[in-house]
N, C-alpha and C. Protein backbone atom coordinates (compact mmCIF):
# COMPACT_ATOMS: atom_id res chain seq x y z
N MET A 1 55.44 103.54 211.25
CA MET A 1 55.38 104.67 211.49
C MET A 1 54.10 104.90 209.62
N ARG A 2 53.06 104.94 210.20
CA ARG A 2 52.13 105.30 209.22
C ARG A 2 52.05 106.45 208.43
N LEU A 3 51.70 106.72 206.61
CA LEU A 3 52.27 108.12 206.17
C LEU A 3 51.05 108.37 206.28
N HIS A 4 50.83 109.80 207.11
CA HIS A 4 49.77 111.15 207.40
C HIS A 4 49.51 111.41 206.51
N GLN A 5 50.10 112.96 205.72
CA GLN A 5 49.98 113.36 204.56
C GLN A 5 51.02 113.70 203.98
N LEU A 6 50.31 113.95 202.04
CA LEU A 6 51.19 113.97 201.25
C LEU A 6 51.18 115.53 200.91
N LYS A 7 52.77 116.57 200.39
CA LYS A 7 52.11 117.69 199.93
C LYS A 7 53.09 118.10 198.46
N LEU A 8 52.90 118.41 197.40
CA LEU A 8 53.69 118.64 196.24
C LEU A 8 53.52 119.83 196.18
N ASP A 9 55.10 120.63 195.39
CA ASP A 9 54.45 121.50 195.08
C ASP A 9 56.34 122.12 194.28
N PHE A 10 55.58 123.05 192.69
CA PHE A 10 56.82 123.40 192.59
C PHE A 10 57.08 124.36 192.96
N ILE A 11 58.74 123.97 192.86
CA ILE A 11 59.95 125.75 193.80
C ILE A 11 60.39 126.25 192.53
N PRO A 12 59.71 127.79 192.30
CA PRO A 12 60.70 127.93 190.58
C PRO A 12 61.87 128.20 190.78
N GLU A 13 62.17 128.58 192.41
CA GLU A 13 63.70 129.44 192.68
C GLU A 13 63.98 128.08 192.70
N GLN A 14 64.04 126.33 192.54
CA GLN A 14 64.84 125.61 192.77
C GLN A 14 64.34 124.64 191.25
N ASP A 15 63.52 125.12 190.81
CA ASP A 15 63.05 124.14 189.26
C ASP A 15 62.81 122.71 189.67
N ARG A 16 62.40 122.56 191.14
CA ARG A 16 62.02 120.76 191.24
C ARG A 16 60.70 121.10 192.44
N LEU A 17 60.44 120.09 192.19
CA LEU A 17 59.28 119.81 192.87
C LEU A 17 59.66 119.25 194.28
N LEU A 18 59.13 119.62 195.66
CA LEU A 18 59.43 119.23 196.87
C LEU A 18 58.12 118.60 197.51
N LEU A 19 58.74 117.89 197.36
CA LEU A 19 57.64 116.58 197.86
C LEU A 19 57.68 116.68 199.75
N ARG A 20 56.95 116.95 200.11
CA ARG A 20 56.59 116.27 201.46
C ARG A 20 56.01 115.09 202.07
N VAL A 21 56.17 114.42 203.47
CA VAL A 21 55.69 113.61 203.36
C VAL A 21 55.75 113.56 205.28
N SER A 22 54.61 113.76 205.57
CA SER A 22 53.99 113.47 207.32
C SER A 22 53.88 112.00 207.58
N THR A 23 54.11 111.70 208.97
CA THR A 23 53.81 110.55 209.37
C THR A 23 52.83 111.19 210.71
N ASP A 24 52.02 110.01 211.04
CA ASP A 24 51.44 109.56 212.09
C ASP A 24 52.25 109.82 213.74
N ASN A 25 53.64 109.30 213.44
CA ASN A 25 54.03 109.75 214.79
C ASN A 25 55.01 111.17 214.52
N GLN A 26 54.66 112.49 213.79
CA GLN A 26 55.50 113.45 213.53
C GLN A 26 56.59 113.58 213.12
N ARG A 27 56.68 112.74 212.17
CA ARG A 27 58.34 113.36 211.49
C ARG A 27 57.51 113.75 210.17
N GLU A 28 58.33 114.76 209.45
CA GLU A 28 58.60 114.33 207.89
C GLU A 28 59.48 114.15 207.33
N MET A 29 59.27 114.17 206.11
CA MET A 29 60.13 113.88 204.99
C MET A 29 60.30 115.20 204.04
N ARG A 30 61.03 115.13 203.45
CA ARG A 30 61.71 116.21 202.77
C ARG A 30 62.71 116.34 200.93
N LEU A 31 62.06 116.00 200.17
CA LEU A 31 62.50 115.31 198.74
C LEU A 31 62.76 116.23 197.57
N TRP A 32 63.62 116.37 197.10
CA TRP A 32 63.52 117.40 195.48
C TRP A 32 63.19 116.45 194.71
N LEU A 33 62.35 116.44 193.82
CA LEU A 33 62.25 115.86 192.46
C LEU A 33 62.60 117.03 191.23
N THR A 34 63.70 115.94 190.31
CA THR A 34 63.95 117.40 188.86
C THR A 34 63.18 116.22 188.27
N ARG A 35 62.89 116.89 187.01
CA ARG A 35 62.41 116.79 185.92
C ARG A 35 63.05 115.19 185.45
N ARG A 36 64.90 115.10 185.56
CA ARG A 36 64.48 113.45 185.17
C ARG A 36 64.17 112.42 186.50
N ALA A 37 64.19 112.54 187.62
CA ALA A 37 63.10 111.69 188.26
C ALA A 37 61.93 111.63 188.04
N LEU A 38 61.37 112.68 187.86
CA LEU A 38 59.83 112.40 187.47
C LEU A 38 59.76 111.87 185.91
N ARG A 39 60.98 112.07 185.16
CA ARG A 39 60.58 111.24 183.45
C ARG A 39 60.64 109.67 184.15
N LEU A 40 61.09 109.12 184.89
CA LEU A 40 61.85 107.86 185.41
C LEU A 40 60.63 107.45 186.25
N LEU A 41 59.59 108.14 187.44
CA LEU A 41 59.07 108.29 188.58
C LEU A 41 57.62 107.96 187.56
N TRP A 42 56.99 108.35 187.05
CA TRP A 42 56.04 108.74 185.85
C TRP A 42 55.62 107.38 185.41
N PRO A 43 56.59 107.10 184.74
CA PRO A 43 56.32 105.22 183.73
C PRO A 43 55.97 104.12 185.00
N LEU A 44 56.98 104.49 185.92
CA LEU A 44 56.75 103.98 186.60
C LEU A 44 55.04 103.21 187.64
N LEU A 45 54.83 104.84 187.37
CA LEU A 45 53.38 104.66 188.20
C LEU A 45 52.01 104.17 186.90
N LEU A 46 52.40 104.69 186.11
CA LEU A 46 51.40 104.16 184.72
C LEU A 46 51.40 102.76 184.71
N LYS A 47 52.71 101.84 184.85
CA LYS A 47 52.97 100.67 184.96
C LYS A 47 52.48 100.00 185.96
N THR A 48 52.47 100.56 186.80
CA THR A 48 51.54 100.10 188.40
C THR A 48 50.13 100.00 188.44
N ALA A 49 49.96 101.84 188.29
CA ALA A 49 48.18 101.40 188.06
C ALA A 49 47.42 100.27 186.69
N ARG A 50 48.45 100.15 185.87
CA ARG A 50 48.47 99.39 184.76
C ARG A 50 47.83 98.12 185.02
N SER A 51 49.07 97.15 186.12
CA SER A 51 49.10 96.11 186.25
C SER A 51 47.90 95.66 187.67
N SER A 52 46.90 96.18 187.98
CA SER A 52 46.61 95.38 188.57
C SER A 52 45.80 94.74 188.17
N PRO A 53 45.27 92.96 188.93
CA PRO A 53 44.79 91.86 188.18
C PRO A 53 43.76 92.45 186.94
N GLU A 54 42.63 93.00 187.34
CA GLU A 54 40.94 93.18 186.90
C GLU A 54 41.24 94.10 185.55
N ILE A 55 42.84 94.80 185.23
CA ILE A 55 43.13 95.41 184.53
C ILE A 55 43.77 94.65 183.43
N ALA A 56 44.76 94.03 183.71
CA ALA A 56 46.03 92.78 183.25
C ALA A 56 44.70 91.53 182.62
N LEU A 57 43.80 90.98 182.61
CA LEU A 57 43.16 90.13 182.38
C LEU A 57 42.59 91.12 180.92
N GLN A 58 42.48 91.72 180.61
CA GLN A 58 41.97 92.92 179.63
C GLN A 58 42.72 92.56 178.35
N SER A 59 42.06 91.89 177.56
CA SER A 59 42.88 91.77 176.22
C SER A 59 42.88 93.17 175.24
N ASN A 60 41.90 93.60 175.74
CA ASN A 60 41.36 95.32 174.62
C ASN A 60 41.96 96.34 175.52
N PRO A 61 43.06 96.72 174.51
CA PRO A 61 43.67 98.32 175.15
C PRO A 61 43.03 99.25 175.90
N GLN A 62 41.52 99.48 174.76
CA GLN A 62 41.03 100.59 175.29
C GLN A 62 39.97 100.15 176.59
N ALA A 63 39.81 98.84 176.69
CA ALA A 63 38.63 97.85 177.53
C ALA A 63 39.87 98.40 179.19
N ARG A 64 41.23 98.26 178.55
CA ARG A 64 42.14 98.15 180.05
C ARG A 64 42.20 99.95 180.05
N ASP A 65 42.17 100.79 179.83
CA ASP A 65 42.62 102.18 179.86
C ASP A 65 41.34 102.61 180.25
N ALA A 66 40.38 101.77 179.80
CA ALA A 66 39.00 102.75 180.52
C ALA A 66 38.72 101.98 181.78
N LEU A 67 39.45 100.66 182.36
CA LEU A 67 39.73 100.51 183.70
C LEU A 67 40.35 101.33 184.42
N VAL A 68 41.60 101.57 184.10
CA VAL A 68 42.17 102.94 184.97
C VAL A 68 41.49 103.85 185.24
N GLY A 69 40.99 104.40 184.33
CA GLY A 69 40.44 105.50 184.30
C GLY A 69 39.33 105.73 185.59
N MET A 70 38.53 104.49 184.99
CA MET A 70 37.61 104.07 186.38
C MET A 70 38.33 104.10 187.44
N GLN A 71 39.26 103.37 188.40
CA GLN A 71 39.98 103.56 189.05
C GLN A 71 40.49 104.64 189.44
N HIS A 72 40.88 105.40 188.76
CA HIS A 72 41.48 106.81 189.04
C HIS A 72 40.57 107.44 189.21
N GLU A 73 39.60 107.61 189.06
CA GLU A 73 38.41 108.40 189.05
C GLU A 73 37.82 108.25 190.88
N ARG A 74 37.41 106.71 190.95
CA ARG A 74 37.25 106.06 192.08
C ARG A 74 38.19 106.59 193.50
N ALA A 75 39.19 106.52 193.52
CA ALA A 75 40.51 106.85 194.11
C ALA A 75 40.31 108.25 194.58
N LEU A 76 40.29 109.27 193.49
CA LEU A 76 40.68 110.54 193.87
C LEU A 76 39.04 110.93 194.73
N ARG A 77 38.17 110.34 194.20
CA ARG A 77 36.56 110.23 195.04
C ARG A 77 36.60 110.21 196.29
N GLN A 78 37.43 109.16 196.80
CA GLN A 78 37.65 108.87 198.07
C GLN A 78 38.50 109.55 198.99
N SER A 79 39.45 110.27 198.14
CA SER A 79 40.62 110.75 198.80
C SER A 79 40.30 112.17 199.27
N ASN A 80 41.16 113.23 199.83
CA ASN A 80 40.88 114.51 201.26
C ASN A 80 42.24 115.23 200.51
N PHE A 81 41.31 116.00 199.19
CA PHE A 81 42.43 117.28 198.77
C PHE A 81 42.23 118.73 199.06
N ALA A 82 41.11 118.23 200.18
CA ALA A 82 40.71 120.11 200.41
C ALA A 82 41.43 120.07 202.23
N ASN A 83 41.68 119.31 203.03
CA ASN A 83 42.79 119.13 203.82
C ASN A 83 43.90 120.13 203.57
N PRO A 84 44.49 121.32 204.45
CA PRO A 84 45.25 122.23 203.88
C PRO A 84 46.74 120.97 204.63
N PHE A 85 47.96 120.89 203.93
CA PHE A 85 48.60 120.31 204.50
C PHE A 85 49.10 121.03 205.93
N GLU A 86 49.56 120.06 207.09
CA GLU A 86 48.99 120.72 208.38
C GLU A 86 51.05 121.07 208.85
N GLU A 87 50.90 122.14 208.61
CA GLU A 87 52.37 122.86 209.09
C GLU A 87 52.39 123.17 210.44
N ALA A 88 53.11 121.38 211.23
CA ALA A 88 53.27 121.90 212.66
C ALA A 88 54.62 121.29 212.72
N PRO A 89 55.64 121.64 214.32
CA PRO A 89 56.69 121.65 214.30
C PRO A 89 57.03 119.83 213.96
N ARG A 90 58.05 119.36 213.59
CA ARG A 90 58.27 117.92 213.46
C ARG A 90 59.09 117.56 212.74
N GLU A 91 59.26 116.05 213.89
CA GLU A 91 60.88 115.82 213.60
C GLU A 91 61.36 115.71 212.41
N LEU A 92 62.06 116.23 212.02
CA LEU A 92 63.32 115.74 210.30
C LEU A 92 64.29 114.56 210.15
N PRO A 93 63.72 113.29 210.12
CA PRO A 93 65.12 112.12 209.81
C PRO A 93 66.32 112.15 209.00
N LEU A 94 65.62 112.93 208.44
CA LEU A 94 66.40 113.08 206.74
C LEU A 94 67.15 114.85 206.93
N GLY A 95 67.08 115.47 207.96
CA GLY A 95 67.46 116.51 207.77
C GLY A 95 66.58 118.00 207.54
N PRO A 96 67.13 119.19 207.83
CA PRO A 96 66.15 119.96 207.64
C PRO A 96 66.04 120.18 206.28
N GLU A 97 67.20 120.48 204.98
CA GLU A 97 66.79 120.55 203.71
C GLU A 97 66.58 119.28 203.15
N PRO A 98 65.60 119.61 202.05
CA PRO A 98 64.79 118.29 201.36
C PRO A 98 66.69 117.77 200.59
N VAL A 99 66.22 115.89 200.36
CA VAL A 99 66.95 115.29 199.12
C VAL A 99 66.69 115.35 198.47
N LEU A 100 67.62 115.17 197.59
CA LEU A 100 67.62 115.37 196.31
C LEU A 100 67.47 113.87 195.54
N VAL A 101 66.27 113.46 195.14
CA VAL A 101 66.37 111.97 194.59
C VAL A 101 66.99 111.31 193.13
N ALA A 102 67.72 110.86 193.74
CA ALA A 102 68.95 110.13 192.36
C ALA A 102 68.69 108.78 191.54
N ARG A 103 67.36 108.11 192.55
CA ARG A 103 67.61 106.74 192.81
C ARG A 103 65.82 106.44 193.12
N ILE A 104 65.11 105.54 192.22
CA ILE A 104 63.87 105.60 192.67
C ILE A 104 63.98 104.12 192.16
N GLN A 105 63.52 103.09 193.59
CA GLN A 105 63.64 101.58 193.32
C GLN A 105 61.70 101.12 193.61
N THR A 106 61.72 100.12 193.25
CA THR A 106 60.19 99.65 193.36
C THR A 106 60.45 98.24 193.93
N ASN A 107 58.82 97.63 194.01
CA ASN A 107 58.76 96.42 194.86
C ASN A 107 57.54 96.04 195.46
N ARG A 108 57.25 95.04 195.67
CA ARG A 108 56.02 94.94 196.04
C ARG A 108 55.90 94.65 197.48
N ASP A 109 54.58 94.80 198.13
CA ASP A 109 54.86 94.25 199.68
C ASP A 109 53.97 92.81 200.23
N GLU A 110 53.58 92.57 200.74
CA GLU A 110 52.63 91.25 201.07
C GLU A 110 51.91 91.25 200.34
N ASN A 111 51.00 92.17 200.01
CA ASN A 111 50.00 92.64 199.80
C ASN A 111 49.66 92.91 198.26
N GLY A 112 50.87 93.09 197.75
CA GLY A 112 51.17 93.18 196.30
C GLY A 112 51.33 94.89 196.56
N ASN A 113 50.68 96.03 197.43
CA ASN A 113 51.01 97.34 196.97
C ASN A 113 52.39 97.72 196.62
N LEU A 114 52.26 98.66 195.68
CA LEU A 114 53.66 98.90 194.94
C LEU A 114 54.44 99.85 196.54
N VAL A 115 55.86 99.20 196.34
CA VAL A 115 57.07 99.63 198.19
C VAL A 115 57.66 101.11 196.81
N LEU A 116 57.75 102.16 197.12
CA LEU A 116 58.35 102.94 195.89
C LEU A 116 59.86 103.65 197.04
N GLY A 117 60.82 103.27 196.22
CA GLY A 117 61.75 103.55 197.11
C GLY A 117 62.59 105.09 196.20
N LEU A 118 62.22 106.48 197.08
CA LEU A 118 62.88 107.28 196.59
C LEU A 118 64.34 107.83 197.40
N LEU A 119 65.37 107.56 196.75
CA LEU A 119 66.37 107.35 196.99
C LEU A 119 67.29 108.56 196.43
N PRO A 120 68.62 109.20 197.46
CA PRO A 120 69.45 110.03 197.11
C PRO A 120 70.57 109.30 196.77
N GLN A 121 71.23 109.91 195.87
CA GLN A 121 72.59 108.83 194.74
C GLN A 121 73.85 107.94 196.54
N ASP A 122 73.81 108.73 197.71
CA ASP A 122 74.27 108.28 198.83
C ASP A 122 73.29 108.74 199.94
N GLY A 123 73.06 107.60 201.31
CA GLY A 123 72.52 108.12 202.59
C GLY A 123 71.01 107.14 202.83
N GLN A 124 70.11 108.38 203.32
CA GLN A 124 68.88 107.66 203.35
C GLN A 124 67.96 108.17 202.68
N GLY A 125 66.45 107.69 202.07
CA GLY A 125 66.00 107.79 201.24
C GLY A 125 64.40 107.51 202.14
N ILE A 126 63.24 107.64 201.68
CA ILE A 126 62.21 107.07 201.85
C ILE A 126 61.47 106.07 200.95
N ASN A 127 60.86 104.80 202.08
CA ASN A 127 60.35 104.23 200.84
C ASN A 127 58.48 104.12 201.15
N LEU A 128 57.70 104.80 200.16
CA LEU A 128 56.44 105.03 200.31
C LEU A 128 55.58 103.14 200.08
N THR A 129 54.16 103.46 200.19
CA THR A 129 53.69 102.05 200.48
C THR A 129 52.31 102.79 199.69
N LEU A 130 51.92 101.93 198.59
CA LEU A 130 51.06 102.52 197.69
C LEU A 130 50.37 102.34 197.60
N ASP A 131 49.05 101.40 197.86
CA ASP A 131 47.72 101.07 198.05
C ASP A 131 47.14 102.01 196.63
N ASN A 132 46.24 101.32 195.85
CA ASN A 132 46.02 101.82 194.56
C ASN A 132 44.68 103.00 195.15
N ASN A 133 44.65 103.34 196.08
CA ASN A 133 44.21 105.18 195.99
C ASN A 133 45.10 105.80 196.25
N LEU A 134 46.08 105.52 197.25
CA LEU A 134 47.92 106.29 197.34
C LEU A 134 47.97 106.25 195.98
N LEU A 135 48.34 105.89 195.10
CA LEU A 135 48.88 105.36 194.21
C LEU A 135 48.15 106.94 192.83
N HIS A 136 47.54 106.32 193.09
CA HIS A 136 46.42 107.77 192.14
C HIS A 136 46.01 108.38 192.70
N SER A 137 46.26 109.26 193.99
CA SER A 137 46.39 110.23 194.59
C SER A 137 47.27 110.98 194.50
N LEU A 138 48.78 110.30 194.24
CA LEU A 138 49.99 110.97 194.36
C LEU A 138 50.18 110.86 192.68
N CYS A 139 49.54 110.12 192.22
CA CYS A 139 49.41 110.72 190.15
C CYS A 139 48.71 111.96 189.92
N LYS A 140 47.86 112.11 191.14
CA LYS A 140 47.04 113.77 190.78
C LYS A 140 47.95 114.66 191.02
N LEU A 141 48.59 114.53 192.47
CA LEU A 141 49.27 115.35 192.73
C LEU A 141 50.59 115.99 191.77
N LEU A 142 51.01 114.82 191.42
CA LEU A 142 52.08 114.99 190.33
C LEU A 142 51.51 115.76 189.28
N GLN A 143 50.41 115.45 189.45
CA GLN A 143 49.93 116.44 187.71
C GLN A 143 49.98 118.12 187.68
N ASN A 144 49.05 118.18 189.16
CA ASN A 144 49.01 119.41 189.44
C ASN A 144 50.19 119.80 190.00
N ALA A 145 50.56 119.61 190.26
CA ALA A 145 52.60 120.06 190.86
C ALA A 145 53.22 120.62 189.30
N VAL A 146 53.32 119.82 188.25
CA VAL A 146 53.88 119.48 187.35
C VAL A 146 52.79 121.04 185.85
N ALA A 147 51.66 120.95 186.13
CA ALA A 147 51.04 121.71 185.38
C ALA A 147 51.29 123.34 186.19
N LYS A 148 51.50 123.39 187.53
CA LYS A 148 51.97 124.68 187.44
C LYS A 148 53.84 124.92 187.35
N SER A 149 54.30 124.07 186.45
CA SER A 149 55.97 124.41 186.65
C SER A 149 55.64 124.74 185.09
N ASP A 150 56.99 125.52 184.59
CA ASP A 150 57.21 125.84 182.91
C ASP A 150 58.46 124.29 182.47
N TRP A 151 57.93 123.24 182.66
CA TRP A 151 58.43 122.18 182.05
C TRP A 151 58.34 121.49 180.95
N ASP A 152 57.00 121.98 180.16
CA ASP A 152 56.49 121.64 179.06
C ASP A 152 56.37 120.12 179.15
N ILE A 153 55.75 119.64 180.30
CA ILE A 153 55.90 118.07 180.57
C ILE A 153 54.18 117.99 180.83
N VAL A 154 53.60 116.52 180.19
CA VAL A 154 52.27 116.80 180.23
C VAL A 154 52.17 115.18 181.00
N LEU A 155 51.64 114.77 181.97
CA LEU A 155 51.65 114.22 182.95
C LEU A 155 49.60 113.20 182.67
N GLU A 156 49.39 111.87 181.58
CA GLU A 156 48.76 111.95 181.60
C GLU A 156 48.45 110.47 181.99
N LEU A 157 47.00 110.12 182.81
CA LEU A 157 46.50 109.06 182.47
C LEU A 157 44.98 109.14 181.46
N PRO A 158 44.76 107.58 181.40
CA PRO A 158 44.10 106.87 181.00
C PRO A 158 42.22 107.78 181.92
N THR A 159 41.50 108.43 181.14
CA THR A 159 40.41 108.87 181.77
C THR A 159 39.04 108.42 181.27
N LEU A 160 38.08 108.45 182.00
CA LEU A 160 36.65 107.63 181.59
C LEU A 160 36.26 109.38 180.60
N LEU A 161 36.78 109.98 180.76
CA LEU A 161 35.70 111.76 180.03
C LEU A 161 36.65 111.09 178.58
N THR A 162 38.11 111.45 178.54
CA THR A 162 38.65 111.11 177.58
C THR A 162 38.53 109.91 176.51
N GLN A 163 38.42 108.67 177.34
CA GLN A 163 38.03 106.98 176.66
C GLN A 163 36.78 108.15 176.27
N ALA A 164 35.44 108.57 176.80
CA ALA A 164 34.43 108.64 175.63
C ALA A 164 34.43 109.41 174.91
N ALA A 165 34.96 110.52 175.20
CA ALA A 165 35.15 111.53 174.08
C ALA A 165 35.57 110.79 172.28
N THR A 166 36.70 109.85 173.02
CA THR A 166 37.50 108.96 171.70
C THR A 166 36.39 107.94 170.85
N ASP A 167 35.59 107.40 172.11
CA ASP A 167 34.49 106.53 171.69
C ASP A 167 33.62 107.56 170.89
N ASP A 168 32.83 108.41 171.12
CA ASP A 168 31.77 109.42 170.35
C ASP A 168 31.90 109.82 168.89
N ALA A 169 33.86 109.60 168.60
CA ALA A 169 34.34 111.05 168.01
C ALA A 169 34.44 109.46 166.34
N ALA A 170 34.99 108.37 166.99
CA ALA A 170 35.21 107.29 165.91
C ALA A 170 33.74 106.65 166.25
N ALA A 171 32.45 106.98 166.57
CA ALA A 171 31.22 105.88 166.43
C ALA A 171 30.99 106.82 165.32
N PRO A 172 30.09 105.93 164.14
CA PRO A 172 29.40 106.33 162.90
C PRO A 172 27.84 106.86 163.46
N ARG A 173 28.10 107.99 163.15
CA ARG A 173 26.12 108.61 163.15
C ARG A 173 24.79 109.07 162.22
N THR A 174 24.33 108.70 163.04
CA THR A 174 23.06 108.57 162.15
C THR A 174 21.86 109.71 161.83
N VAL A 175 21.76 110.04 160.73
CA VAL A 175 21.06 111.18 160.75
C VAL A 175 19.36 110.78 160.31
N ASN A 176 18.74 111.10 161.23
CA ASN A 176 17.34 110.71 160.27
C ASN A 176 16.43 111.97 159.75
């Protein structure tokens, strides 16, 4: 089965993020992400974003951050955030209630993509295979959902604008 859509919302009554994953064969998995799960997940996503070969080869930390920012911007341009999540009747293999993510596992597939396991304490969870575009799209969805929460957490990725502003501020200025 292939991923069709992702939706991530902050649900205030639960004080959790609800991740909905739909597939091309009309299945949907629903998972709860807590602050604790997010604090485990975000560093893994950042590490993965920074580990691509072209970034890892850079010895300069600013160059690595700039490349992460470039990849992020490129991935977001290629992603479609405009289409709403399709509310269609789907099979719910994990059940009608969202599964509470208690464990996160990572691995790599044969193409070097991150395989992200979002798992409950006991029972079945899901494995998401994230190529670079999907990795950055998931990061953006997490940033947007957390911004709507009252968790006082800021999920930061290096960006081109932040890097350019830092470079401009540090550069000596000459007035003629």
